[in-house]
Amino acid sequence: MPISNIDFEKGNRDPSLLLMDFLSLNYRNAYTLDELEAVMKSTNKDLSKRDIESILNALEYGGKVKSRTIEGKIYYRYSKVAGLKLI
């Protein structure tokens, strides 16, 4: 059975890119590790929480993701990079 080009490309995507795509498209919201695990499962990427947390830590170190603990839960969100403003 044939699949679409979009499905074909999704099959080879790096999990860190999938997380970045999701977080950047939803930059106004912050998500817990459990919520991001559910997102990864919905894309047929069955990663452990430890793997996802490792990816998020690397993305945070690179300045692409921010985390904050609120009411005992860690939330992650996309870190918008401010562009240069020319006068």
N, C-alpha and C. Protein backbone atom coordinates (compact mmCIF):
# COMPACT_ATOMS: atom_id res chain seq x y z
N MET A 1 0.85 -1.17 0.00
CA MET A 1 0.00 0.00 0.00
C MET A 1 0.89 1.24 0.00
N PRO A 2 0.70 2.17 -0.91
CA PRO A 2 1.55 3.38 -0.96
C PRO A 2 1.25 4.33 0.19
N ILE A 3 2.27 5.11 0.54
CA ILE A 3 2.10 6.14 1.56
C ILE A 3 2.44 7.49 0.94
N SER A 4 2.00 8.54 1.59
CA SER A 4 2.26 9.88 1.06
C SER A 4 3.71 10.28 1.32
N ASN A 5 4.15 11.30 0.61
CA ASN A 5 5.50 11.82 0.78
C ASN A 5 5.68 12.35 2.20
N ILE A 6 4.65 12.95 2.77
CA ILE A 6 4.73 13.48 4.12
C ILE A 6 4.96 12.34 5.12
N ASP A 7 4.23 11.25 4.97
CA ASP A 7 4.42 10.10 5.85
C ASP A 7 5.80 9.49 5.67
N PHE A 8 6.28 9.48 4.45
CA PHE A 8 7.61 8.95 4.16
C PHE A 8 8.67 9.76 4.89
N GLU A 9 8.57 11.09 4.81
CA GLU A 9 9.54 11.96 5.45
C GLU A 9 9.47 11.88 6.97
N LYS A 10 8.28 11.73 7.52
CA LYS A 10 8.12 11.63 8.97
C LYS A 10 8.81 10.39 9.52
N GLY A 11 8.86 9.34 8.73
CA GLY A 11 9.45 8.09 9.20
C GLY A 11 10.92 8.18 9.50
N ASN A 12 11.61 9.09 8.88
CA ASN A 12 13.05 9.21 9.05
C ASN A 12 13.47 10.40 9.91
N ARG A 13 12.53 11.13 10.44
CA ARG A 13 12.86 12.35 11.17
C ARG A 13 13.48 12.05 12.52
N ASP A 14 14.46 12.83 12.83
CA ASP A 14 15.13 12.76 14.12
C ASP A 14 14.14 13.19 15.21
N PRO A 15 14.06 12.46 16.32
CA PRO A 15 13.11 12.83 17.38
C PRO A 15 13.30 14.25 17.90
N SER A 16 14.53 14.74 17.92
CA SER A 16 14.75 16.11 18.40
C SER A 16 14.12 17.12 17.44
N LEU A 17 14.12 16.82 16.15
CA LEU A 17 13.47 17.71 15.19
C LEU A 17 11.96 17.68 15.34
N LEU A 18 11.42 16.50 15.62
CA LEU A 18 9.98 16.40 15.85
C LEU A 18 9.56 17.21 17.07
N LEU A 19 10.34 17.12 18.14
CA LEU A 19 10.03 17.90 19.33
C LEU A 19 10.13 19.40 19.05
N MET A 20 11.19 19.80 18.34
CA MET A 20 11.36 21.22 18.02
C MET A 20 10.22 21.72 17.14
N ASP A 21 9.82 20.93 16.16
CA ASP A 21 8.70 21.33 15.31
C ASP A 21 7.45 21.54 16.13
N PHE A 22 7.15 20.59 17.02
CA PHE A 22 5.95 20.69 17.83
C PHE A 22 6.02 21.91 18.74
N LEU A 23 7.14 22.08 19.44
CA LEU A 23 7.26 23.20 20.37
C LEU A 23 7.25 24.55 19.66
N SER A 24 7.88 24.63 18.49
CA SER A 24 7.91 25.91 17.78
C SER A 24 6.54 26.27 17.21
N LEU A 25 5.79 25.27 16.77
CA LEU A 25 4.44 25.54 16.28
C LEU A 25 3.48 25.91 17.41
N ASN A 26 3.80 25.47 18.61
CA ASN A 26 2.96 25.72 19.79
C ASN A 26 3.72 26.56 20.81
N TYR A 27 4.42 27.58 20.32
CA TYR A 27 5.33 28.36 21.16
C TYR A 27 4.63 29.13 22.29
N ARG A 28 3.35 29.29 22.20
CA ARG A 28 2.62 30.02 23.25
C ARG A 28 2.30 29.16 24.46
N ASN A 29 2.56 27.86 24.37
CA ASN A 29 2.24 26.94 25.46
C ASN A 29 3.50 26.25 25.95
N ALA A 30 3.44 25.81 27.20
CA ALA A 30 4.51 25.01 27.79
C ALA A 30 3.93 23.64 28.13
N TYR A 31 4.76 22.61 28.03
CA TYR A 31 4.30 21.23 28.17
C TYR A 31 5.14 20.47 29.17
N THR A 32 4.50 19.54 29.87
CA THR A 32 5.22 18.65 30.78
C THR A 32 5.85 17.52 29.97
N LEU A 33 6.72 16.79 30.64
CA LEU A 33 7.36 15.64 30.01
C LEU A 33 6.33 14.60 29.60
N ASP A 34 5.33 14.38 30.43
CA ASP A 34 4.27 13.41 30.09
C ASP A 34 3.52 13.83 28.83
N GLU A 35 3.23 15.11 28.71
CA GLU A 35 2.52 15.60 27.52
C GLU A 35 3.37 15.45 26.27
N LEU A 36 4.66 15.73 26.40
CA LEU A 36 5.55 15.59 25.24
C LEU A 36 5.76 14.13 24.87
N GLU A 37 5.72 13.26 25.86
CA GLU A 37 5.81 11.82 25.57
C GLU A 37 4.59 11.39 24.75
N ALA A 38 3.42 11.89 25.10
CA ALA A 38 2.20 11.57 24.34
C ALA A 38 2.30 12.09 22.91
N VAL A 39 2.89 13.26 22.73
CA VAL A 39 3.07 13.83 21.39
C VAL A 39 3.98 12.92 20.57
N MET A 40 5.07 12.46 21.17
CA MET A 40 6.00 11.59 20.44
C MET A 40 5.34 10.27 20.08
N LYS A 41 4.52 9.73 20.98
CA LYS A 41 3.83 8.48 20.67
C LYS A 41 2.84 8.68 19.53
N SER A 42 2.24 9.86 19.44
CA SER A 42 1.29 10.13 18.37
C SER A 42 1.98 10.20 17.01
N THR A 43 3.30 10.40 17.00
CA THR A 43 4.06 10.44 15.75
C THR A 43 4.75 9.09 15.50
N ASN A 44 4.34 8.08 16.25
CA ASN A 44 4.90 6.73 16.14
C ASN A 44 6.37 6.65 16.54
N LYS A 45 6.81 7.59 17.36
CA LYS A 45 8.16 7.53 17.93
C LYS A 45 8.01 7.12 19.38
N ASP A 46 8.27 5.87 19.67
CA ASP A 46 8.09 5.36 21.02
C ASP A 46 9.40 5.50 21.78
N LEU A 47 9.57 6.66 22.39
CA LEU A 47 10.78 6.94 23.17
C LEU A 47 10.45 6.92 24.65
N SER A 48 11.42 6.55 25.45
CA SER A 48 11.22 6.58 26.89
C SER A 48 11.25 8.02 27.38
N LYS A 49 10.72 8.24 28.56
CA LYS A 49 10.76 9.59 29.15
C LYS A 49 12.20 10.04 29.33
N ARG A 50 13.07 9.11 29.65
CA ARG A 50 14.49 9.44 29.83
C ARG A 50 15.09 9.94 28.53
N ASP A 51 14.75 9.30 27.41
CA ASP A 51 15.25 9.73 26.10
C ASP A 51 14.74 11.13 25.75
N ILE A 52 13.45 11.35 25.99
CA ILE A 52 12.85 12.65 25.69
C ILE A 52 13.46 13.73 26.57
N GLU A 53 13.66 13.41 27.84
CA GLU A 53 14.26 14.37 28.76
C GLU A 53 15.69 14.71 28.34
N SER A 54 16.41 13.71 27.87
CA SER A 54 17.78 13.93 27.39
C SER A 54 17.78 14.87 26.18
N ILE A 55 16.85 14.64 25.26
CA ILE A 55 16.72 15.52 24.08
C ILE A 55 16.38 16.94 24.52
N LEU A 56 15.43 17.07 25.44
CA LEU A 56 15.03 18.39 25.92
C LEU A 56 16.18 19.10 26.62
N ASN A 57 16.98 18.37 27.39
CA ASN A 57 18.13 18.97 28.06
C ASN A 57 19.15 19.49 27.04
N ALA A 58 19.37 18.71 25.99
CA ALA A 58 20.30 19.15 24.94
C ALA A 58 19.76 20.38 24.22
N LEU A 59 18.46 20.40 23.95
CA LEU A 59 17.85 21.55 23.29
C LEU A 59 17.88 22.78 24.20
N GLU A 60 17.72 22.55 25.50
CA GLU A 60 17.79 23.67 26.45
C GLU A 60 19.22 24.21 26.52
N TYR A 61 20.19 23.33 26.54
CA TYR A 61 21.59 23.74 26.56
C TYR A 61 21.92 24.57 25.31
N GLY A 62 21.33 24.19 24.19
CA GLY A 62 21.55 24.92 22.94
C GLY A 62 20.72 26.19 22.82
N GLY A 63 19.89 26.48 23.82
CA GLY A 63 19.11 27.71 23.82
C GLY A 63 17.82 27.64 23.02
N LYS A 64 17.43 26.47 22.60
CA LYS A 64 16.23 26.33 21.78
C LYS A 64 14.97 26.06 22.60
N VAL A 65 15.16 25.60 23.83
CA VAL A 65 14.04 25.26 24.71
C VAL A 65 14.33 25.86 26.08
N LYS A 66 13.28 26.31 26.74
CA LYS A 66 13.39 26.79 28.12
C LYS A 66 12.55 25.88 29.00
N SER A 67 13.00 25.71 30.25
CA SER A 67 12.21 24.94 31.21
C SER A 67 12.01 25.77 32.46
N ARG A 68 10.92 25.47 33.14
CA ARG A 68 10.61 26.15 34.40
C ARG A 68 9.77 25.21 35.24
N THR A 69 10.07 25.19 36.54
CA THR A 69 9.28 24.38 37.46
C THR A 69 8.16 25.23 38.03
N ILE A 70 6.94 24.77 37.83
CA ILE A 70 5.76 25.47 38.31
C ILE A 70 4.90 24.46 39.07
N GLU A 71 4.65 24.77 40.33
CA GLU A 71 3.86 23.90 41.21
C GLU A 71 4.38 22.47 41.21
N GLY A 72 5.70 22.33 41.24
CA GLY A 72 6.32 21.02 41.34
C GLY A 72 6.46 20.25 40.04
N LYS A 73 6.00 20.82 38.93
CA LYS A 73 6.11 20.16 37.63
C LYS A 73 7.03 20.97 36.73
N ILE A 74 7.85 20.27 35.96
CA ILE A 74 8.73 20.94 35.01
C ILE A 74 8.00 21.08 33.69
N TYR A 75 7.97 22.30 33.17
CA TYR A 75 7.35 22.60 31.88
C TYR A 75 8.43 23.03 30.91
N TYR A 76 8.23 22.65 29.65
CA TYR A 76 9.16 22.99 28.58
C TYR A 76 8.42 23.78 27.52
N ARG A 77 9.11 24.78 26.97
CA ARG A 77 8.53 25.54 25.87
C ARG A 77 9.64 25.99 24.92
N TYR A 78 9.21 26.33 23.74
CA TYR A 78 10.11 26.81 22.71
C TYR A 78 10.67 28.16 23.12
N SER A 79 11.93 28.36 22.90
CA SER A 79 12.58 29.62 23.22
C SER A 79 12.73 30.42 21.94
N LYS A 80 11.88 31.42 21.79
CA LYS A 80 11.94 32.25 20.59
C LYS A 80 13.23 33.07 20.64
N VAL A 81 13.94 33.03 19.54
CA VAL A 81 15.20 33.78 19.45
C VAL A 81 14.88 35.14 18.87
N ALA A 82 15.27 36.16 19.60
CA ALA A 82 15.02 37.52 19.11
C ALA A 82 15.92 37.82 17.93
N GLY A 83 15.33 38.29 16.89
CA GLY A 83 16.10 38.64 15.70
C GLY A 83 16.68 40.04 15.80
N LEU A 84 17.54 40.35 14.89
CA LEU A 84 18.12 41.69 14.87
C LEU A 84 17.11 42.67 14.31
N LYS A 85 17.05 43.81 14.94
CA LYS A 85 16.18 44.87 14.46
C LYS A 85 17.03 45.98 13.87
N LEU A 86 16.85 46.22 12.61
CA LEU A 86 17.60 47.28 11.93
C LEU A 86 16.81 48.57 11.98
N ILE A 87 17.51 49.64 12.26
CA ILE A 87 16.84 50.94 12.33
C ILE A 87 17.03 51.68 11.03
